[in-house]
C-alpha atoms as a PDB file:
ATOM      1  CA  UNK A   1      29.570  45.439 146.373  1.00  0.00           C
ATOM      2  CA  UNK A   2      32.509  47.301 147.966  1.00  0.00           C
ATOM      3  CA  UNK A   3      32.405  49.918 145.524  1.00  0.00           C
ATOM      4  CA  UNK A   4      28.772  50.871 146.109  1.00  0.00           C
ATOM      5  CA  UNK A   5      29.225  54.850 146.318  1.00  0.00           C
ATOM      6  CA  UNK A   6      30.906  54.849 143.199  1.00  0.00           C
ATOM      7  CA  UNK A   7      28.573  52.394 141.480  1.00  0.00           C
ATOM      8  CA  UNK A   8      25.725  54.872 142.027  1.00  0.00           C
ATOM      9  CA  UNK A   9      27.637  57.286 139.532  1.00  0.00           C
ATOM     10  CA  UNK A  10      28.546  54.214 137.050  1.00  0.00           C
ATOM     11  CA  UNK A  11      24.704  53.231 137.399  1.00  0.00           C
ATOM     12  CA  UNK A  12      23.646  56.662 136.326  1.00  0.00           C
ATOM     13  CA  UNK A  13      25.790  57.084 133.340  1.00  0.00           C
ATOM     14  CA  UNK A  14      24.714  53.393 132.296  1.00  0.00           C
ATOM     15  CA  UNK A  15      21.062  54.228 132.697  1.00  0.00           C
ATOM     16  CA  UNK A  16      21.475  57.262 130.566  1.00  0.00           C
ATOM     17  CA  UNK A  17      23.357  55.246 127.848  1.00  0.00           C
ATOM     18  CA  UNK A  18      20.716  52.498 127.967  1.00  0.00           C
ATOM     19  CA  UNK A  19      17.955  54.940 127.318  1.00  0.00           C
ATOM     20  CA  UNK A  20      19.745  57.002 124.549  1.00  0.00           C
ATOM     21  CA  UNK A  21      21.231  54.120 122.743  1.00  0.00           C
ATOM     22  CA  UNK A  22      19.086  51.092 123.228  1.00  0.00           C
ATOM     23  CA  UNK A  23      15.486  51.884 124.268  1.00  0.00           C
ATOM     24  CA  UNK A  24      14.913  55.101 122.324  1.00  0.00           C
ATOM     25  CA  UNK A  25      16.455  53.912 118.828  1.00  0.00           C
ATOM     26  CA  UNK A  26      14.432  50.716 118.959  1.00  0.00           C
ATOM     27  CA  UNK A  27      11.010  52.716 119.433  1.00  0.00           C
ATOM     28  CA  UNK A  28      10.589  51.787 123.019  1.00  0.00           C
ATOM     29  CA  UNK A  29       8.659  54.429 125.262  1.00  0.00           C
ATOM     30  CA  UNK A  30      10.205  55.027 128.404  1.00  0.00           C
ATOM     31  CA  UNK A  31       8.812  56.103 132.257  1.00  0.00           C
ATOM     32  CA  UNK A  32      11.686  56.305 134.445  1.00  0.00           C
ATOM     33  CA  UNK A  33      11.047  55.899 138.249  1.00  0.00           C
ATOM     34  CA  UNK A  34      12.591  58.435 140.364  1.00  0.00           C
ATOM     35  CA  UNK A  35      11.168  57.822 143.589  1.00  0.00           C
ATOM     36  CA  UNK A  36      12.766  55.619 146.382  1.00  0.00           C
ATOM     37  CA  UNK A  37       9.490  53.777 147.111  1.00  0.00           C
ATOM     38  CA  UNK A  38       8.989  52.378 143.539  1.00  0.00           C
ATOM     39  CA  UNK A  39      12.513  51.757 143.294  1.00  0.00           C
ATOM     40  CA  UNK A  40      12.496  49.673 146.305  1.00  0.00           C
ATOM     41  CA  UNK A  41       9.700  47.988 144.856  1.00  0.00           C
ATOM     42  CA  UNK A  42      11.536  46.781 142.036  1.00  0.00           C
ATOM     43  CA  UNK A  43      10.967  49.452 139.394  1.00  0.00           C
ATOM     44  CA  UNK A  44      13.650  51.260 137.643  1.00  0.00           C
ATOM     45  CA  UNK A  45      11.788  51.810 134.472  1.00  0.00           C
ATOM     46  CA  UNK A  46       8.504  51.055 132.711  1.00  0.00           C
ATOM     47  CA  UNK A  47       9.247  50.207 129.101  1.00  0.00           C
ATOM     48  CA  UNK A  48       6.756  49.541 126.325  1.00  0.00           C
ATOM     49  CA  UNK A  49       7.165  48.617 122.670  1.00  0.00           C
ATOM     50  CA  UNK A  50       4.001  49.706 120.340  1.00  0.00           C
ATOM     51  CA  UNK A  51       1.058  47.882 121.587  1.00  0.00           C
ATOM     52  CA  UNK A  52       2.956  45.355 123.569  1.00  0.00           C
ATOM     53  CA  UNK A  53       2.101  45.000 127.208  1.00  0.00           C
ATOM     54  CA  UNK A  54       4.287  47.419 129.366  1.00  0.00           C
ATOM     55  CA  UNK A  55       7.262  45.717 131.277  1.00  0.00           C
ATOM     56  CA  UNK A  56       8.471  47.018 134.798  1.00  0.00           C
ATOM     57  CA  UNK A  57      12.150  46.369 134.699  1.00  0.00           C
ATOM     58  CA  UNK A  58      14.792  46.356 137.204  1.00  0.00           C
ATOM     59  CA  UNK A  59      18.264  46.999 135.556  1.00  0.00           C
ATOM     60  CA  UNK A  60      21.174  45.051 136.647  1.00  0.00           C
ATOM     61  CA  UNK A  61      24.640  46.036 135.499  1.00  0.00           C
ATOM     62  CA  UNK A  62      28.011  44.425 136.044  1.00  0.00           C
ATOM     63  CA  UNK A  63      29.514  47.767 136.935  1.00  0.00           C
ATOM     64  CA  UNK A  64      32.669  46.991 138.983  1.00  0.00           C
ATOM     65  CA  UNK A  65      35.065  46.437 135.807  1.00  0.00           C
ATOM     66  CA  UNK A  66      34.825  46.193 132.068  1.00  0.00           C
ATOM     67  CA  UNK A  67      32.728  43.249 131.738  1.00  0.00           C
ATOM     68  CA  UNK A  68      31.845  43.285 128.177  1.00  0.00           C
ATOM     69  CA  UNK A  69      33.077  39.954 126.318  1.00  0.00           C
ATOM     70  CA  UNK A  70      30.521  38.644 123.600  1.00  0.00           C
ATOM     71  CA  UNK A  71      31.144  35.590 122.030  1.00  0.00           C
ATOM     72  CA  UNK A  72      34.068  36.078 119.733  1.00  0.00           C
ATOM     73  CA  UNK A  73      33.943  39.779 120.004  1.00  0.00           C
ATOM     74  CA  UNK A  74      37.621  41.169 120.039  1.00  0.00           C
ATOM     75  CA  UNK A  75      37.974  43.274 122.993  1.00  0.00           C
ATOM     76  CA  UNK A  76      41.192  42.154 124.362  1.00  0.00           C
ATOM     77  CA  UNK A  77      39.956  42.592 127.689  1.00  0.00           C
ATOM     78  CA  UNK A  78      41.237  39.727 130.237  1.00  0.00           C
ATOM     79  CA  UNK A  79      39.179  40.923 133.115  1.00  0.00           C
ATOM     80  CA  UNK A  80      35.918  40.596 131.165  1.00  0.00           C
ATOM     81  CA  UNK A  81      33.542  38.281 132.685  1.00  0.00           C
ATOM     82  CA  UNK A  82      31.189  35.481 131.399  1.00  0.00           C
ATOM     83  CA  UNK A  83      28.948  35.393 134.454  1.00  0.00           C
ATOM     84  CA  UNK A  84      26.253  37.488 136.205  1.00  0.00           C
ATOM     85  CA  UNK A  85      25.851  37.416 139.994  1.00  0.00           C
ATOM     86  CA  UNK A  86      22.327  36.875 141.403  1.00  0.00           C
ATOM     87  CA  UNK A  87      22.319  38.351 144.883  1.00  0.00           C
ATOM     88  CA  UNK A  88      21.239  35.940 147.678  1.00  0.00           C
ATOM     89  CA  UNK A  89      22.291  38.030 150.959  1.00  0.00           C
ATOM     90  CA  UNK A  90      24.946  40.493 152.199  1.00  0.00           C
ATOM     91  CA  UNK A  91      25.808  42.207 155.220  1.00  0.00           C
ATOM     92  CA  UNK A  92      25.195  46.315 155.697  1.00  0.00           C
ATOM     93  CA  UNK A  93      25.310  48.042 158.921  1.00  0.00           C
ATOM     94  CA  UNK A  94      26.224  44.973 160.683  1.00  0.00           C
ATOM     95  CA  UNK A  95      22.803  43.587 159.709  1.00  0.00           C
ATOM     96  CA  UNK A  96      21.948  40.773 157.255  1.00  0.00           C
ATOM     97  CA  UNK A  97      19.891  42.093 154.093  1.00  0.00           C
ATOM     98  CA  UNK A  98      18.437  39.625 151.588  1.00  0.00           C
ATOM     99  CA  UNK A  99      19.477  39.941 148.045  1.00  0.00           C
ATOM    100  CA  UNK A 100      17.209  40.920 145.082  1.00  0.00           C
ATOM    101  CA  UNK A 101      17.356  37.348 143.578  1.00  0.00           C
ATOM    102  CA  UNK A 102      15.296  35.861 146.345  1.00  0.00           C
ATOM    103  CA  UNK A 103      11.693  36.104 147.768  1.00  0.00           C
ATOM    104  CA  UNK A 104       9.330  36.400 144.656  1.00  0.00           C
ATOM    105  CA  UNK A 105       7.204  38.811 146.970  1.00  0.00           C
ATOM    106  CA  UNK A 106      10.054  41.175 147.849  1.00  0.00           C
ATOM    107  CA  UNK A 107      10.022  43.395 144.646  1.00  0.00           C
ATOM    108  CA  UNK A 108       6.506  43.067 143.705  1.00  0.00           C
ATOM    109  CA  UNK A 109       6.398  45.489 140.637  1.00  0.00           C
ATOM    110  CA  UNK A 110       9.043  43.969 138.726  1.00  0.00           C
ATOM    111  CA  UNK A 111       8.151  42.029 135.846  1.00  0.00           C
ATOM    112  CA  UNK A 112      11.509  41.846 133.882  1.00  0.00           C
ATOM    113  CA  UNK A 113      15.274  41.820 134.611  1.00  0.00           C
ATOM    114  CA  UNK A 114      17.473  43.566 132.285  1.00  0.00           C
ATOM    115  CA  UNK A 115      21.173  42.172 132.646  1.00  0.00           C
ATOM    116  CA  UNK A 116      23.883  44.213 131.268  1.00  0.00           C
ATOM    117  CA  UNK A 117      27.632  44.000 130.601  1.00  0.00           C
ATOM    118  CA  UNK A 118      29.530  47.004 129.123  1.00  0.00           C
ATOM    119  CA  UNK A 119      32.607  47.759 127.258  1.00  0.00           C
ATOM    120  CA  UNK A 120      34.391  51.261 128.037  1.00  0.00           C
ATOM    121  CA  UNK A 121      37.539  53.002 126.784  1.00  0.00           C
ATOM    122  CA  UNK A 122      38.736  54.082 130.108  1.00  0.00           C
ATOM    123  CA  UNK A 123      38.615  51.649 133.025  1.00  0.00           C
ATOM    124  CA  UNK A 124      36.378  54.025 134.928  1.00  0.00           C
ATOM    125  CA  UNK A 125      33.508  55.725 132.816  1.00  0.00           C
ATOM    126  CA  UNK A 126      32.738  59.552 133.352  1.00  0.00           C
ATOM    127  CA  UNK A 127      30.290  59.676 130.723  1.00  0.00           C
ATOM    128  CA  UNK A 128      27.956  58.072 128.375  1.00  0.00           C
ATOM    129  CA  UNK A 129      30.615  58.709 125.406  1.00  0.00           C
ATOM    130  CA  UNK A 130      32.904  56.442 127.450  1.00  0.00           C
ATOM    131  CA  UNK A 131      30.659  53.385 126.906  1.00  0.00           C
ATOM    132  CA  UNK A 132      31.582  51.558 123.517  1.00  0.00           C
ATOM    133  CA  UNK A 133      29.268  48.594 123.458  1.00  0.00           C
ATOM    134  CA  UNK A 134      26.725  46.680 125.699  1.00  0.00           C
ATOM    135  CA  UNK A 135      25.400  43.038 125.908  1.00  0.00           C
ATOM    136  CA  UNK A 136      21.949  42.869 127.403  1.00  0.00           C
ATOM    137  CA  UNK A 137      19.510  39.989 128.351  1.00  0.00           C
ATOM    138  CA  UNK A 138      15.904  40.779 129.022  1.00  0.00           C
ATOM    139  CA  UNK A 139      14.564  38.114 131.286  1.00  0.00           C
ATOM    140  CA  UNK A 140      11.207  37.489 133.080  1.00  0.00           C
ATOM    141  CA  UNK A 141      11.443  37.888 136.694  1.00  0.00           C
ATOM    142  CA  UNK A 142       9.410  34.745 137.272  1.00  0.00           C
ATOM    143  CA  UNK A 143      12.157  32.917 135.304  1.00  0.00           C
ATOM    144  CA  UNK A 144      14.880  34.196 137.352  1.00  0.00           C
ATOM    145  CA  UNK A 145      12.867  33.266 140.387  1.00  0.00           C
ATOM    146  CA  UNK A 146      12.283  29.702 139.151  1.00  0.00           C
ATOM    147  CA  UNK A 147      15.972  29.033 138.214  1.00  0.00           C
ATOM    148  CA  UNK A 148      17.163  30.342 141.651  1.00  0.00           C
ATOM    149  CA  UNK A 149      14.552  28.411 143.499  1.00  0.00           C
ATOM    150  CA  UNK A 150      15.679  25.169 141.497  1.00  0.00           C
ATOM    151  CA  UNK A 151      19.352  25.756 142.461  1.00  0.00           C
ATOM    152  CA  UNK A 152      18.523  26.452 146.393  1.00  0.00           C
ATOM    153  CA  UNK A 153      16.136  23.552 146.411  1.00  0.00           C
ATOM    154  CA  UNK A 154      18.897  21.227 145.524  1.00  0.00           C
ATOM    155  CA  UNK A 155      20.482  22.400 148.772  1.00  0.00           C
ATOM    156  CA  UNK A 156      17.196  22.303 150.744  1.00  0.00           C
ATOM    157  CA  UNK A 157      16.752  26.003 150.677  1.00  0.00           C
ATOM    158  CA  UNK A 158      13.317  27.498 150.217  1.00  0.00           C
ATOM    159  CA  UNK A 159      13.887  30.719 148.159  1.00  0.00           C
ATOM    160  CA  UNK A 160      10.769  32.353 149.806  1.00  0.00           C
ATOM    161  CA  UNK A 161      11.560  31.515 153.511  1.00  0.00           C
ATOM    162  CA  UNK A 162      13.398  34.258 155.024  1.00  0.00           C
ATOM    163  CA  UNK A 163      14.707  32.350 157.823  1.00  0.00           C
ATOM    164  CA  UNK A 164      16.148  29.732 155.686  1.00  0.00           C
ATOM    165  CA  UNK A 165      18.006  32.236 153.399  1.00  0.00           C
ATOM    166  CA  UNK A 166      19.366  33.720 156.417  1.00  0.00           C
ATOM    167  CA  UNK A 167      20.563  30.482 157.953  1.00  0.00           C
ATOM    168  CA  UNK A 168      22.106  29.724 154.528  1.00  0.00           C
ATOM    169  CA  UNK A 169      24.105  32.759 154.546  1.00  0.00           C
ATOM    170  CA  UNK A 170      25.445  32.281 158.071  1.00  0.00           C
ATOM    171  CA  UNK A 171      26.360  28.689 157.358  1.00  0.00           C
ATOM    172  CA  UNK A 172      28.400  29.744 154.514  1.00  0.00           C
ATOM    173  CA  UNK A 173      30.139  32.577 156.614  1.00  0.00           C
ATOM    174  CA  UNK A 174      30.997  30.311 159.138  1.00  0.00           C
ATOM    175  CA  UNK A 175      32.571  27.854 156.827  1.00  0.00           C
ATOM    176  CA  UNK A 176      30.193  25.073 157.434  1.00  0.00           C
ATOM    177  CA  UNK A 177      28.730  24.696 153.819  1.00  0.00           C
ATOM    178  CA  UNK A 178      30.565  22.321 151.220  1.00  0.00           C
ATOM    179  CA  UNK A 179      30.923  23.177 147.714  1.00  0.00           C
ATOM    180  CA  UNK A 180      31.288  26.895 148.094  1.00  0.00           C
ATOM    181  CA  UNK A 181      32.808  29.042 145.636  1.00  0.00           C
ATOM    182  CA  UNK A 182      33.146  26.222 142.944  1.00  0.00           C
ATOM    183  CA  UNK A 183      30.968  25.245 139.909  1.00  0.00           C
ATOM    184  CA  UNK A 184      28.457  22.548 140.605  1.00  0.00           C
ATOM    185  CA  UNK A 185      25.355  21.137 138.524  1.00  0.00           C
ATOM    186  CA  UNK A 186      21.819  21.544 138.680  1.00  0.00           C
ATOM    187  CA  UNK A 187      18.809  20.574 136.411  1.00  0.00           C
ATOM    188  CA  UNK A 188      16.243  22.867 135.040  1.00  0.00           C
ATOM    189  CA  UNK A 189      13.464  21.447 132.828  1.00  0.00           C
ATOM    190  CA  UNK A 190      15.403  18.257 132.382  1.00  0.00           C
ATOM    191  CA  UNK A 191      18.536  19.972 131.299  1.00  0.00           C
ATOM    192  CA  UNK A 192      21.730  20.149 133.151  1.00  0.00           C
ATOM    193  CA  UNK A 193      23.468  23.699 133.973  1.00  0.00           C
ATOM    194  CA  UNK A 194      26.041  24.929 136.029  1.00  0.00           C
ATOM    195  CA  UNK A 195      25.953  27.217 139.017  1.00  0.00           C
ATOM    196  CA  UNK A 196      28.452  28.737 141.445  1.00  0.00           C
ATOM    197  CA  UNK A 197      27.477  29.546 145.075  1.00  0.00           C
ATOM    198  CA  UNK A 198      30.052  32.459 145.594  1.00  0.00           C
ATOM    199  CA  UNK A 199      30.874  33.923 149.149  1.00  0.00           C
ATOM    200  CA  UNK A 200      33.068  37.072 148.959  1.00  0.00           C
ATOM    201  CA  UNK A 201      34.406  38.042 152.566  1.00  0.00           C
ATOM    202  CA  UNK A 202      38.060  39.340 151.336  1.00  0.00           C
ATOM    203  CA  UNK A 203      37.901  42.955 149.693  1.00  0.00           C
ATOM    204  CA  UNK A 204      34.122  43.300 149.917  1.00  0.00           C
ATOM    205  CA  UNK A 205      32.793  44.919 153.261  1.00  0.00           C
ATOM    206  CA  UNK A 206      29.330  43.601 152.415  1.00  0.00           C
ATOM    207  CA  UNK A 207      30.563  40.036 152.153  1.00  0.00           C
ATOM    208  CA  UNK A 208      27.748  39.082 149.578  1.00  0.00           C
ATOM    209  CA  UNK A 209      26.662  35.498 148.756  1.00  0.00           C
ATOM    210  CA  UNK A 210      25.969  35.347 145.150  1.00  0.00           C
ATOM    211  CA  UNK A 211      24.776  32.705 142.788  1.00  0.00           C
ATOM    212  CA  UNK A 212      26.839  33.084 139.469  1.00  0.00           C
ATOM    213  CA  UNK A 213      25.215  31.792 136.105  1.00  0.00           C
ATOM    214  CA  UNK A 214      27.356  31.772 132.779  1.00  0.00           C
ATOM    215  CA  UNK A 215      26.074  33.499 129.729  1.00  0.00           C
ATOM    216  CA  UNK A 216      28.469  32.245 127.202  1.00  0.00           C
ATOM    217  CA  UNK A 217      28.990  28.587 127.234  1.00  0.00           C
ATOM    218  CA  UNK A 218      26.795  26.312 125.048  1.00  0.00           C
ATOM    219  CA  UNK A 219      24.532  25.490 127.936  1.00  0.00           C
ATOM    220  CA  UNK A 220      24.157  29.154 129.138  1.00  0.00           C
ATOM    221  CA  UNK A 221      20.647  29.204 130.963  1.00  0.00           C
ATOM    222  CA  UNK A 222      20.636  32.957 130.886  1.00  0.00           C
ATOM    223  CA  UNK A 223      20.349  32.783 127.198  1.00  0.00           C
ATOM    224  CA  UNK A 224      18.291  29.675 126.691  1.00  0.00           C
ATOM    225  CA  UNK A 225      15.485  31.674 128.862  1.00  0.00           C
ATOM    226  CA  UNK A 226      15.836  35.385 128.270  1.00  0.00           C
ATOM    227  CA  UNK A 227      12.975  36.792 126.068  1.00  0.00           C
ATOM    228  CA  UNK A 228      15.280  39.135 124.180  1.00  0.00           C
ATOM    229  CA  UNK A 229      19.065  39.422 123.786  1.00  0.00           C
ATOM    230  CA  UNK A 230      20.522  42.841 122.620  1.00  0.00           C
ATOM    231  CA  UNK A 231      24.074  43.622 121.259  1.00  0.00           C
ATOM    232  CA  UNK A 232      24.383  47.279 121.118  1.00  0.00           C
ATOM    233  CA  UNK A 233      27.583  48.739 119.540  1.00  0.00           C
ATOM    234  CA  UNK A 234      28.554  52.502 118.781  1.00  0.00           C
ATOM    235  CA  UNK A 235      29.886  52.765 115.148  1.00  0.00           C
ATOM    236  CA  UNK A 236      31.150  56.273 114.574  1.00  0.00           C
ATOM    237  CA  UNK A 237      27.996  58.397 113.975  1.00  0.00           C
ATOM    238  CA  UNK A 238      25.733  55.316 114.063  1.00  0.00           C
ATOM    239  CA  UNK A 239      24.574  52.806 116.834  1.00  0.00           C
ATOM    240  CA  UNK A 240      24.227  49.176 115.681  1.00  0.00           C
ATOM    241  CA  UNK A 241      21.711  46.720 117.201  1.00  0.00           C
ATOM    242  CA  UNK A 242      21.626  43.133 116.761  1.00  0.00           C
ATOM    243  CA  UNK A 243      18.628  41.448 118.497  1.00  0.00           C
ATOM    244  CA  UNK A 244      17.839  38.001 119.180  1.00  0.00           C
ATOM    245  CA  UNK A 245      14.055  37.074 119.901  1.00  0.00           C
ATOM    246  CA  UNK A 246      14.702  33.789 121.858  1.00  0.00           C
ATOM    247  CA  UNK A 247      12.165  30.855 122.044  1.00  0.00           C
ATOM    248  CA  UNK A 248      13.382  27.924 123.921  1.00  0.00           C
ATOM    249  CA  UNK A 249      12.259  24.360 122.794  1.00  0.00           C
ATOM    250  CA  UNK A 250      11.959  22.393 126.075  1.00  0.00           C
ATOM    251  CA  UNK A 251      11.326  19.304 123.926  1.00  0.00           C
ATOM    252  CA  UNK A 252      14.772  19.507 121.861  1.00  0.00           C
ATOM    253  CA  UNK A 253      16.523  21.681 124.619  1.00  0.00           C
ATOM    254  CA  UNK A 254      17.508  23.981 121.845  1.00  0.00           C
ATOM    255  CA  UNK A 255      17.011  27.759 121.348  1.00  0.00           C
ATOM    256  CA  UNK A 256      15.369  29.084 118.226  1.00  0.00           C
ATOM    257  CA  UNK A 257      16.234  32.852 117.639  1.00  0.00           C
ATOM    258  CA  UNK A 258      14.931  35.335 115.119  1.00  0.00           C
ATOM    259  CA  UNK A 259      17.813  37.684 114.613  1.00  0.00           C
ATOM    260  CA  UNK A 260      17.191  41.327 113.745  1.00  0.00           C
ATOM    261  CA  UNK A 261      19.921  43.921 112.708  1.00  0.00           C
ATOM    262  CA  UNK A 262      19.413  47.630 112.626  1.00  0.00           C
ATOM    263  CA  UNK A 263      21.267  50.782 112.394  1.00  0.00           C
ATOM    264  CA  UNK A 264      20.440  54.154 113.516  1.00  0.00           C
ATOM    265  CA  UNK A 265      22.117  57.389 112.929  1.00  0.00           C
ATOM    266  CA  UNK A 266      22.925  59.428 116.150  1.00  0.00           C
END
């Protein structure tokens, strides 16, 4: 979070890339939100595919460095990351602020999150042509809320209680909370997963408290419970999409996926 100002520019570029290379080639209609009131209510874009119900999407992208690392994809990037950070709280202007991953009633308009990791050619991107590929997970807001709620419930914190969220943050900041910054386990729908309650007070002026969840291990909860998974790659004059429509079986603890591949000339 220490790169907040530069991230605004990066996010603008990522937004343009998603519109041009992901939504439009796949036939989604797009209505971007450009007013602060709607954005603060959790609406970055309203997206609709054919006659399906519209989705109000809050797009979240790992923007601090080249984060793309998709399974066995050969990108030779040692700094790519396999997790996504779900924001619990942070400090701004010397005041505590709740993160976007808590309080179901806080961002009322959001129906889905689109989590993105991108691969770029230069370390700092200057335009959409610098982004070569992107891995995206489309997940319902209620699913993210339920997962985070289950994690915090395990440490006796109510995700929808502002006082308890604030107390957790300052308890961690004071060094009074055990098992911080290490991987721990929790159960969601009778299946065991891993999480990391990560507090960053070195190099980050906002001192964020996040929950890290994995996207690449065999028990990656983000991929088990996302609605769709997109792998978008630029290949010369074409954009290639590999789309996984996921259906998680709670009985057998397995994910059934319908895989669709498409290539569109750009």
